[in-house]
Every structure is written in structure tokens, then in C-alpha cells.
Amino acid sequence: MATQAPNQPQHNNPLHGFTLQQILELLVEHYGGFAPLAKQIPLKCFSSNPSIKSSLTFLRKTPWARTQTEELFIKLKLYQKGGKPESE
């Protein structure tokens, strides 16, 4: 199994270069708030008194919820709209 050098770009990883906070902020922006996001990913942290900070705390402690959030980000291709240059 080959390991990748730490500074080598990850061309096939759409999450590369994005923090969880950036991913969450882009999703909230895309859907126009937490309520519509909660309809896509039914998590209490998105529907009950939501905030970026409390949602990040939950997502960092709950791998399956983080995975769902990251998968939606990839599905919507928000990594292409997030201000990051695309690799050629």
C-alpha cells in the first residue's frame, strides 16, 4: 500500500483543502439556512437551535453524521463552487 507524501496534492479527493467548518458553511449557504439542510440530513443539530459551532461539535464527535454531511457536499459538487481552484 503506497502512502502519499504530505505535501502532494490529492487530485481525486474533493474534500481536500476544505475544513469541516467550510463544508458546513457552504451547505448552509447553498440551502439558505439550517432548516432546509435539516430536511436533507435529518440531524437534531441542524433542526433544534442550530448554529455552526454546535453543529461542528456534534459532527466532530459523530463519524456517521460527518460522513453524511461530507457526502452531501460532494454530491452537490460544492467543492467546485467553494472558491478553490480546480486541479487540472
PDB file of N, CA and C in Angstrom:
ATOM      1  N   MET A   1       0.845  -1.175   0.000  1.00  0.00           N
ATOM      2  CA  MET A   1       0.000   0.000   0.000  1.00  0.00           C
ATOM      3  C   MET A   1       0.890   1.238   0.000  1.00  0.00           C
ATOM      4  N   ALA A   2       0.750   2.048  -1.014  1.00  0.00           N
ATOM      5  CA  ALA A   2       1.585   3.245  -1.151  1.00  0.00           C
ATOM      6  C   ALA A   2       1.017   4.380  -0.311  1.00  0.00           C
ATOM      7  N   THR A   3       1.889   5.090   0.357  1.00  0.00           N
ATOM      8  CA  THR A   3       1.455   6.257   1.113  1.00  0.00           C
ATOM      9  C   THR A   3       1.801   7.496   0.325  1.00  0.00           C
ATOM     10  N   GLN A   4       0.992   8.520   0.494  1.00  0.00           N
ATOM     11  CA  GLN A   4       1.177   9.746  -0.239  1.00  0.00           C
ATOM     12  C   GLN A   4       2.009  10.723   0.576  1.00  0.00           C
ATOM     13  N   ALA A   5       2.894  11.447  -0.089  1.00  0.00           N
ATOM     14  CA  ALA A   5       3.697  12.455   0.594  1.00  0.00           C
ATOM     15  C   ALA A   5       2.774  13.542   1.145  1.00  0.00           C
ATOM     16  N   PRO A   6       3.072  14.100   2.318  1.00  0.00           N
ATOM     17  CA  PRO A   6       2.175  15.062   2.944  1.00  0.00           C
ATOM     18  C   PRO A   6       1.873  16.303   2.101  1.00  0.00           C
ATOM     19  N   ASN A   7       2.814  16.770   1.307  1.00  0.00           N
ATOM     20  CA  ASN A   7       2.600  17.985   0.531  1.00  0.00           C
ATOM     21  C   ASN A   7       2.124  17.727  -0.895  1.00  0.00           C
ATOM     22  N   GLN A   8       1.912  16.483  -1.238  1.00  0.00           N
ATOM     23  CA  GLN A   8       1.471  16.132  -2.577  1.00  0.00           C
ATOM     24  C   GLN A   8      -0.036  16.369  -2.689  1.00  0.00           C
ATOM     25  N   PRO A   9      -0.496  17.050  -3.767  1.00  0.00           N
ATOM     26  CA  PRO A   9      -1.931  17.317  -3.894  1.00  0.00           C
ATOM     27  C   PRO A   9      -2.736  16.029  -4.047  1.00  0.00           C
ATOM     28  N   GLN A  10      -3.937  16.058  -3.526  1.00  0.00           N
ATOM     29  CA  GLN A  10      -4.840  14.912  -3.617  1.00  0.00           C
ATOM     30  C   GLN A  10      -5.874  15.210  -4.704  1.00  0.00           C
ATOM     31  N   HIS A  11      -5.505  14.948  -5.952  1.00  0.00           N
ATOM     32  CA  HIS A  11      -6.332  15.325  -7.092  1.00  0.00           C
ATOM     33  C   HIS A  11      -7.708  14.673  -7.095  1.00  0.00           C
ATOM     34  N   ASN A  12      -7.839  13.491  -6.554  1.00  0.00           N
ATOM     35  CA  ASN A  12      -9.113  12.776  -6.595  1.00  0.00           C
ATOM     36  C   ASN A  12      -9.935  12.921  -5.322  1.00  0.00           C
ATOM     37  N   ASN A  13      -9.517  13.784  -4.416  1.00  0.00           N
ATOM     38  CA  ASN A  13     -10.235  13.962  -3.159  1.00  0.00           C
ATOM     39  C   ASN A  13     -10.920  15.327  -3.159  1.00  0.00           C
ATOM     40  N   PRO A  14     -12.245  15.371  -3.403  1.00  0.00           N
ATOM     41  CA  PRO A  14     -12.943  16.660  -3.456  1.00  0.00           C
ATOM     42  C   PRO A  14     -12.981  17.383  -2.110  1.00  0.00           C
ATOM     43  N   LEU A  15     -12.705  16.687  -1.025  1.00  0.00           N
ATOM     44  CA  LEU A  15     -12.706  17.328   0.295  1.00  0.00           C
ATOM     45  C   LEU A  15     -11.363  17.969   0.623  1.00  0.00           C
ATOM     46  N   HIS A  16     -10.346  17.668  -0.174  1.00  0.00           N
ATOM     47  CA  HIS A  16      -9.004  18.186   0.100  1.00  0.00           C
ATOM     48  C   HIS A  16      -9.008  19.714   0.085  1.00  0.00           C
ATOM     49  N   GLY A  17      -8.477  20.286   1.137  1.00  0.00           N
ATOM     50  CA  GLY A  17      -8.382  21.734   1.232  1.00  0.00           C
ATOM     51  C   GLY A  17      -9.568  22.384   1.923  1.00  0.00           C
ATOM     52  N   PHE A  18     -10.579  21.617   2.262  1.00  0.00           N
ATOM     53  CA  PHE A  18     -11.760  22.145   2.947  1.00  0.00           C
ATOM     54  C   PHE A  18     -11.774  21.684   4.393  1.00  0.00           C
ATOM     55  N   THR A  19     -12.057  22.599   5.290  1.00  0.00           N
ATOM     56  CA  THR A  19     -12.268  22.225   6.684  1.00  0.00           C
ATOM     57  C   THR A  19     -13.726  21.828   6.855  1.00  0.00           C
ATOM     58  N   LEU A  20     -14.030  21.145   7.927  1.00  0.00           N
ATOM     59  CA  LEU A  20     -15.415  20.778   8.212  1.00  0.00           C
ATOM     60  C   LEU A  20     -16.265  22.047   8.339  1.00  0.00           C
ATOM     61  N   GLN A  21     -15.707  23.080   8.920  1.00  0.00           N
ATOM     62  CA  GLN A  21     -16.454  24.333   9.061  1.00  0.00           C
ATOM     63  C   GLN A  21     -16.793  24.926   7.690  1.00  0.00           C
ATOM     64  N   GLN A  22     -15.841  24.923   6.773  1.00  0.00           N
ATOM     65  CA  GLN A  22     -16.108  25.437   5.428  1.00  0.00           C
ATOM     66  C   GLN A  22     -17.188  24.613   4.727  1.00  0.00           C
ATOM     67  N   ILE A  23     -17.114  23.303   4.872  1.00  0.00           N
ATOM     68  CA  ILE A  23     -18.107  22.415   4.263  1.00  0.00           C
ATOM     69  C   ILE A  23     -19.498  22.739   4.807  1.00  0.00           C
ATOM     70  N   LEU A  24     -19.610  22.864   6.123  1.00  0.00           N
ATOM     71  CA  LEU A  24     -20.898  23.156   6.746  1.00  0.00           C
ATOM     72  C   LEU A  24     -21.414  24.526   6.319  1.00  0.00           C
ATOM     73  N   GLU A  25     -20.547  25.522   6.312  1.00  0.00           N
ATOM     74  CA  GLU A  25     -20.964  26.873   5.906  1.00  0.00           C
ATOM     75  C   GLU A  25     -21.445  26.900   4.458  1.00  0.00           C
ATOM     76  N   LEU A  26     -20.772  26.179   3.575  1.00  0.00           N
ATOM     77  CA  LEU A  26     -21.200  26.122   2.173  1.00  0.00           C
ATOM     78  C   LEU A  26     -22.539  25.409   2.028  1.00  0.00           C
ATOM     79  N   LEU A  27     -22.767  24.357   2.802  1.00  0.00           N
ATOM     80  CA  LEU A  27     -24.054  23.659   2.758  1.00  0.00           C
ATOM     81  C   LEU A  27     -25.182  24.557   3.268  1.00  0.00           C
ATOM     82  N   VAL A  28     -24.943  25.249   4.374  1.00  0.00           N
ATOM     83  CA  VAL A  28     -25.964  26.152   4.930  1.00  0.00           C
ATOM     84  C   VAL A  28     -26.264  27.268   3.929  1.00  0.00           C
ATOM     85  N   GLU A  29     -25.232  27.796   3.307  1.00  0.00           N
ATOM     86  CA  GLU A  29     -25.414  28.848   2.306  1.00  0.00           C
ATOM     87  C   GLU A  29     -26.187  28.317   1.099  1.00  0.00           C
ATOM     88  N   HIS A  30     -25.825  27.124   0.643  1.00  0.00           N
ATOM     89  CA  HIS A  30     -26.473  26.521  -0.525  1.00  0.00           C
ATOM     90  C   HIS A  30     -27.977  26.332  -0.287  1.00  0.00           C
ATOM     91  N   TYR A  31     -28.324  25.847   0.891  1.00  0.00           N
ATOM     92  CA  TYR A  31     -29.732  25.573   1.195  1.00  0.00           C
ATOM     93  C   TYR A  31     -30.469  26.783   1.762  1.00  0.00           C
ATOM     94  N   GLY A  32     -29.754  27.842   2.084  1.00  0.00           N
ATOM     95  CA  GLY A  32     -30.415  29.039   2.592  1.00  0.00           C
ATOM     96  C   GLY A  32     -30.770  28.944   4.060  1.00  0.00           C
ATOM     97  N   GLY A  33     -30.039  28.154   4.806  1.00  0.00           N
ATOM     98  CA  GLY A  33     -30.269  28.042   6.246  1.00  0.00           C
ATOM     99  C   GLY A  33     -30.225  26.603   6.725  1.00  0.00           C
ATOM    100  N   PHE A  34     -30.343  26.483   8.041  1.00  0.00           N
ATOM    101  CA  PHE A  34     -30.279  25.156   8.646  1.00  0.00           C
ATOM    102  C   PHE A  34     -31.546  24.334   8.424  1.00  0.00           C
ATOM    103  N   ALA A  35     -32.720  24.986   8.402  1.00  0.00           N
ATOM    104  CA  ALA A  35     -33.975  24.235   8.264  1.00  0.00           C
ATOM    105  C   ALA A  35     -34.015  23.428   6.966  1.00  0.00           C
ATOM    106  N   PRO A  36     -33.696  24.035   5.821  1.00  0.00           N
ATOM    107  CA  PRO A  36     -33.686  23.229   4.593  1.00  0.00           C
ATOM    108  C   PRO A  36     -32.586  22.158   4.601  1.00  0.00           C
ATOM    109  N   LEU A  37     -31.452  22.460   5.232  1.00  0.00           N
ATOM    110  CA  LEU A  37     -30.385  21.466   5.344  1.00  0.00           C
ATOM    111  C   LEU A  37     -30.863  20.279   6.184  1.00  0.00           C
ATOM    112  N   ALA A  38     -31.618  20.562   7.245  1.00  0.00           N
ATOM    113  CA  ALA A  38     -32.136  19.503   8.116  1.00  0.00           C
ATOM    114  C   ALA A  38     -33.108  18.584   7.368  1.00  0.00           C
ATOM    115  N   LYS A  39     -33.739  19.094   6.328  1.00  0.00           N
ATOM    116  CA  LYS A  39     -34.619  18.242   5.516  1.00  0.00           C
ATOM    117  C   LYS A  39     -33.808  17.274   4.669  1.00  0.00           C
ATOM    118  N   GLN A  40     -32.591  17.663   4.318  1.00  0.00           N
ATOM    119  CA  GLN A  40     -31.710  16.796   3.531  1.00  0.00           C
ATOM    120  C   GLN A  40     -30.985  15.789   4.410  1.00  0.00           C
ATOM    121  N   ILE A  41     -30.531  16.266   5.570  1.00  0.00           N
ATOM    122  CA  ILE A  41     -29.833  15.414   6.539  1.00  0.00           C
ATOM    123  C   ILE A  41     -30.550  15.625   7.874  1.00  0.00           C
ATOM    124  N   PRO A  42     -31.437  14.720   8.240  1.00  0.00           N
ATOM    125  CA  PRO A  42     -32.244  14.926   9.451  1.00  0.00           C
ATOM    126  C   PRO A  42     -31.450  14.712  10.744  1.00  0.00           C
ATOM    127  N   LEU A  43     -30.701  15.735  11.114  1.00  0.00           N
ATOM    128  CA  LEU A  43     -29.926  15.707  12.351  1.00  0.00           C
ATOM    129  C   LEU A  43     -30.463  16.775  13.295  1.00  0.00           C
ATOM    130  N   LYS A  44     -30.552  16.437  14.547  1.00  0.00           N
ATOM    131  CA  LYS A  44     -31.059  17.374  15.540  1.00  0.00           C
ATOM    132  C   LYS A  44     -30.199  18.639  15.615  1.00  0.00           C
ATOM    133  N   CYS A  45     -28.899  18.506  15.377  1.00  0.00           N
ATOM    134  CA  CYS A  45     -28.018  19.677  15.436  1.00  0.00           C
ATOM    135  C   CYS A  45     -28.328  20.675  14.322  1.00  0.00           C
ATOM    136  N   PHE A  46     -29.043  20.238  13.275  1.00  0.00           N
ATOM    137  CA  PHE A  46     -29.440  21.130  12.191  1.00  0.00           C
ATOM    138  C   PHE A  46     -30.861  21.656  12.374  1.00  0.00           C
ATOM    139  N   SER A  47     -31.662  20.993  13.211  1.00  0.00           N
ATOM    140  CA  SER A  47     -33.075  21.361  13.319  1.00  0.00           C
ATOM    141  C   SER A  47     -33.473  21.978  14.651  1.00  0.00           C
ATOM    142  N   SER A  48     -32.715  21.730  15.700  1.00  0.00           N
ATOM    143  CA  SER A  48     -33.084  22.227  17.019  1.00  0.00           C
ATOM    144  C   SER A  48     -32.040  23.225  17.521  1.00  0.00           C
ATOM    145  N   ASN A  49     -32.377  24.507  17.454  1.00  0.00           N
ATOM    146  CA  ASN A  49     -31.474  25.576  17.897  1.00  0.00           C
ATOM    147  C   ASN A  49     -30.094  25.454  17.249  1.00  0.00           C
ATOM    148  N   PRO A  50     -30.050  25.418  15.909  1.00  0.00           N
ATOM    149  CA  PRO A  50     -28.790  25.154  15.222  1.00  0.00           C
ATOM    150  C   PRO A  50     -27.832  26.352  15.209  1.00  0.00           C
ATOM    151  N   SER A  51     -26.567  26.039  15.209  1.00  0.00           N
ATOM    152  CA  SER A  51     -25.515  27.028  14.988  1.00  0.00           C
ATOM    153  C   SER A  51     -24.336  26.288  14.370  1.00  0.00           C
ATOM    154  N   ILE A  52     -23.460  27.050  13.752  1.00  0.00           N
ATOM    155  CA  ILE A  52     -22.268  26.435  13.159  1.00  0.00           C
ATOM    156  C   ILE A  52     -21.460  25.761  14.264  1.00  0.00           C
ATOM    157  N   LYS A  53     -21.267  26.463  15.376  1.00  0.00           N
ATOM    158  CA  LYS A  53     -20.426  25.942  16.454  1.00  0.00           C
ATOM    159  C   LYS A  53     -20.984  24.638  17.041  1.00  0.00           C
ATOM    160  N   SER A  54     -22.276  24.618  17.364  1.00  0.00           N
ATOM    161  CA  SER A  54     -22.845  23.408  17.968  1.00  0.00           C
ATOM    162  C   SER A  54     -22.884  22.255  16.963  1.00  0.00           C
ATOM    163  N   SER A  55     -23.144  22.573  15.707  1.00  0.00           N
ATOM    164  CA  SER A  55     -23.162  21.529  14.681  1.00  0.00           C
ATOM    165  C   SER A  55     -21.775  20.937  14.472  1.00  0.00           C
ATOM    166  N   LEU A  56     -20.752  21.799  14.467  1.00  0.00           N
ATOM    167  CA  LEU A  56     -19.380  21.300  14.326  1.00  0.00           C
ATOM    168  C   LEU A  56     -19.012  20.380  15.480  1.00  0.00           C
ATOM    169  N   THR A  57     -19.398  20.757  16.687  1.00  0.00           N
ATOM    170  CA  THR A  57     -19.109  19.924  17.859  1.00  0.00           C
ATOM    171  C   THR A  57     -19.719  18.541  17.678  1.00  0.00           C
ATOM    172  N   PHE A  58     -20.985  18.492  17.261  1.00  0.00           N
ATOM    173  CA  PHE A  58     -21.664  17.216  17.065  1.00  0.00           C
ATOM    174  C   PHE A  58     -21.019  16.414  15.933  1.00  0.00           C
ATOM    175  N   LEU A  59     -20.773  17.055  14.800  1.00  0.00           N
ATOM    176  CA  LEU A  59     -20.215  16.350  13.646  1.00  0.00           C
ATOM    177  C   LEU A  59     -18.825  15.794  13.930  1.00  0.00           C
ATOM    178  N   ARG A  60     -18.042  16.507  14.722  1.00  0.00           N
ATOM    179  CA  ARG A  60     -16.696  16.027  15.050  1.00  0.00           C
ATOM    180  C   ARG A  60     -16.732  14.812  15.973  1.00  0.00           C
ATOM    181  N   LYS A  61     -17.786  14.690  16.775  1.00  0.00           N
ATOM    182  CA  LYS A  61     -17.908  13.568  17.711  1.00  0.00           C
ATOM    183  C   LYS A  61     -18.671  12.387  17.122  1.00  0.00           C
ATOM    184  N   THR A  62     -19.311  12.593  15.955  1.00  0.00           N
ATOM    185  CA  THR A  62     -20.206  11.582  15.405  1.00  0.00           C
ATOM    186  C   THR A  62     -19.808  11.271  13.961  1.00  0.00           C
ATOM    187  N   PRO A  63     -18.941  10.275  13.776  1.00  0.00           N
ATOM    188  CA  PRO A  63     -18.416   9.985  12.439  1.00  0.00           C
ATOM    189  C   PRO A  63     -19.476   9.732  11.362  1.00  0.00           C
ATOM    190  N   TRP A  64     -20.552   9.001  11.700  1.00  0.00           N
ATOM    191  CA  TRP A  64     -21.563   8.713  10.677  1.00  0.00           C
ATOM    192  C   TRP A  64     -22.266   9.991  10.219  1.00  0.00           C
ATOM    193  N   ALA A  65     -22.486  10.937  11.118  1.00  0.00           N
ATOM    194  CA  ALA A  65     -23.136  12.205  10.757  1.00  0.00           C
ATOM    195  C   ALA A  65     -22.189  13.063   9.913  1.00  0.00           C
ATOM    196  N   ARG A  66     -20.918  13.046  10.268  1.00  0.00           N
ATOM    197  CA  ARG A  66     -19.923  13.789   9.485  1.00  0.00           C
ATOM    198  C   ARG A  66     -19.849  13.220   8.074  1.00  0.00           C
ATOM    199  N   THR A  67     -19.869  11.902   7.965  1.00  0.00           N
ATOM    200  CA  THR A  67     -19.823  11.256   6.657  1.00  0.00           C
ATOM    201  C   THR A  67     -21.020  11.660   5.808  1.00  0.00           C
ATOM    202  N   GLN A  68     -22.202  11.674   6.388  1.00  0.00           N
ATOM    203  CA  GLN A  68     -23.404  12.082   5.649  1.00  0.00           C
ATOM    204  C   GLN A  68     -23.275  13.520   5.155  1.00  0.00           C
ATOM    205  N   THR A  69     -22.741  14.388   6.001  1.00  0.00           N
ATOM    206  CA  THR A  69     -22.571  15.793   5.652  1.00  0.00           C
ATOM    207  C   THR A  69     -21.557  15.943   4.515  1.00  0.00           C
ATOM    208  N   GLU A  70     -20.448  15.246   4.623  1.00  0.00           N
ATOM    209  CA  GLU A  70     -19.417  15.309   3.580  1.00  0.00           C
ATOM    210  C   GLU A  70     -19.934  14.719   2.266  1.00  0.00           C
ATOM    211  N   GLU A  71     -20.715  13.650   2.330  1.00  0.00           N
ATOM    212  CA  GLU A  71     -21.258  13.034   1.122  1.00  0.00           C
ATOM    213  C   GLU A  71     -22.231  13.967   0.409  1.00  0.00           C
ATOM    214  N   LEU A  72     -23.037  14.706   1.167  1.00  0.00           N
ATOM    215  CA  LEU A  72     -23.949  15.673   0.553  1.00  0.00           C
ATOM    216  C   LEU A  72     -23.152  16.791  -0.116  1.00  0.00           C
ATOM    217  N   PHE A  73     -22.109  17.251   0.543  1.00  0.00           N
ATOM    218  CA  PHE A  73     -21.226  18.278  -0.013  1.00  0.00           C
ATOM    219  C   PHE A  73     -20.651  17.818  -1.354  1.00  0.00           C
ATOM    220  N   ILE A  74     -20.203  16.566  -1.415  1.00  0.00           N
ATOM    221  CA  ILE A  74     -19.644  16.016  -2.648  1.00  0.00           C
ATOM    222  C   ILE A  74     -20.733  15.839  -3.704  1.00  0.00           C
ATOM    223  N   LYS A  75     -21.879  15.315  -3.304  1.00  0.00           N
ATOM    224  CA  LYS A  75     -22.989  15.088  -4.237  1.00  0.00           C
ATOM    225  C   LYS A  75     -23.411  16.387  -4.920  1.00  0.00           C
ATOM    226  N   LEU A  76     -23.431  17.477  -4.165  1.00  0.00           N
ATOM    227  CA  LEU A  76     -23.832  18.774  -4.707  1.00  0.00           C
ATOM    228  C   LEU A  76     -22.700  19.472  -5.467  1.00  0.00           C
ATOM    229  N   LYS A  77     -21.505  18.870  -5.406  1.00  0.00           N
ATOM    230  CA  LYS A  77     -20.315  19.426  -6.051  1.00  0.00           C
ATOM    231  C   LYS A  77     -20.015  20.846  -5.576  1.00  0.00           C
ATOM    232  N   LEU A  78     -20.246  21.100  -4.298  1.00  0.00           N
ATOM    233  CA  LEU A  78     -19.974  22.419  -3.739  1.00  0.00           C
ATOM    234  C   LEU A  78     -18.485  22.705  -3.677  1.00  0.00           C
ATOM    235  N   TYR A  79     -17.670  21.669  -3.756  1.00  0.00           N
ATOM    236  CA  TYR A  79     -16.221  21.873  -3.773  1.00  0.00           C
ATOM    237  C   TYR A  79     -15.797  22.643  -5.020  1.00  0.00           C
ATOM    238  N   GLN A  80     -16.609  22.611  -6.062  1.00  0.00           N
ATOM    239  CA  GLN A  80     -16.307  23.359  -7.281  1.00  0.00           C
ATOM    240  C   GLN A  80     -16.695  24.826  -7.132  1.00  0.00           C
ATOM    241  N   LYS A  81     -17.592  25.130  -6.200  1.00  0.00           N
ATOM    242  CA  LYS A  81     -18.092  26.486  -6.012  1.00  0.00           C
ATOM    243  C   LYS A  81     -17.494  27.152  -4.785  1.00  0.00           C
ATOM    244  N   GLY A  82     -16.660  26.447  -4.057  1.00  0.00           N
ATOM    245  CA  GLY A  82     -16.165  26.941  -2.785  1.00  0.00           C
ATOM    246  C   GLY A  82     -14.978  27.876  -2.869  1.00  0.00           C
ATOM    247  N   GLY A  83     -14.663  28.377  -4.036  1.00  0.00           N
ATOM    248  CA  GLY A  83     -13.562  29.305  -4.159  1.00  0.00           C
ATOM    249  C   GLY A  83     -12.197  28.638  -4.267  1.00  0.00           C
ATOM    250  N   LYS A  84     -12.188  27.322  -4.355  1.00  0.00           N
ATOM    251  CA  LYS A  84     -10.930  26.589  -4.505  1.00  0.00           C
ATOM    252  C   LYS A  84     -10.681  26.368  -5.989  1.00  0.00           C
ATOM    253  N   PRO A  85      -9.487  26.619  -6.476  1.00  0.00           N
ATOM    254  CA  PRO A  85      -9.209  26.364  -7.891  1.00  0.00           C
ATOM    255  C   PRO A  85      -9.249  24.869  -8.176  1.00  0.00           C
ATOM    256  N   GLU A  86      -9.804  24.518  -9.318  1.00  0.00           N
ATOM    257  CA  GLU A  86      -9.856  23.101  -9.695  1.00  0.00           C
ATOM    258  C   GLU A  86      -8.501  22.664 -10.213  1.00  0.00           C
ATOM    259  N   SER A  87      -8.134  21.444  -9.907  1.00  0.00           N
ATOM    260  CA  SER A  87      -6.872  20.883 -10.394  1.00  0.00           C
ATOM    261  C   SER A  87      -7.031  20.472 -11.844  1.00  0.00           C
ATOM    262  N   GLU A  88      -5.957  20.612 -12.576  1.00  0.00           N
ATOM    263  CA  GLU A  88      -6.010  20.203 -13.992  1.00  0.00           C
ATOM    264  C   GLU A  88      -5.351  18.869 -14.199  1.00  0.00           C
TER     265      GLU A  88
END
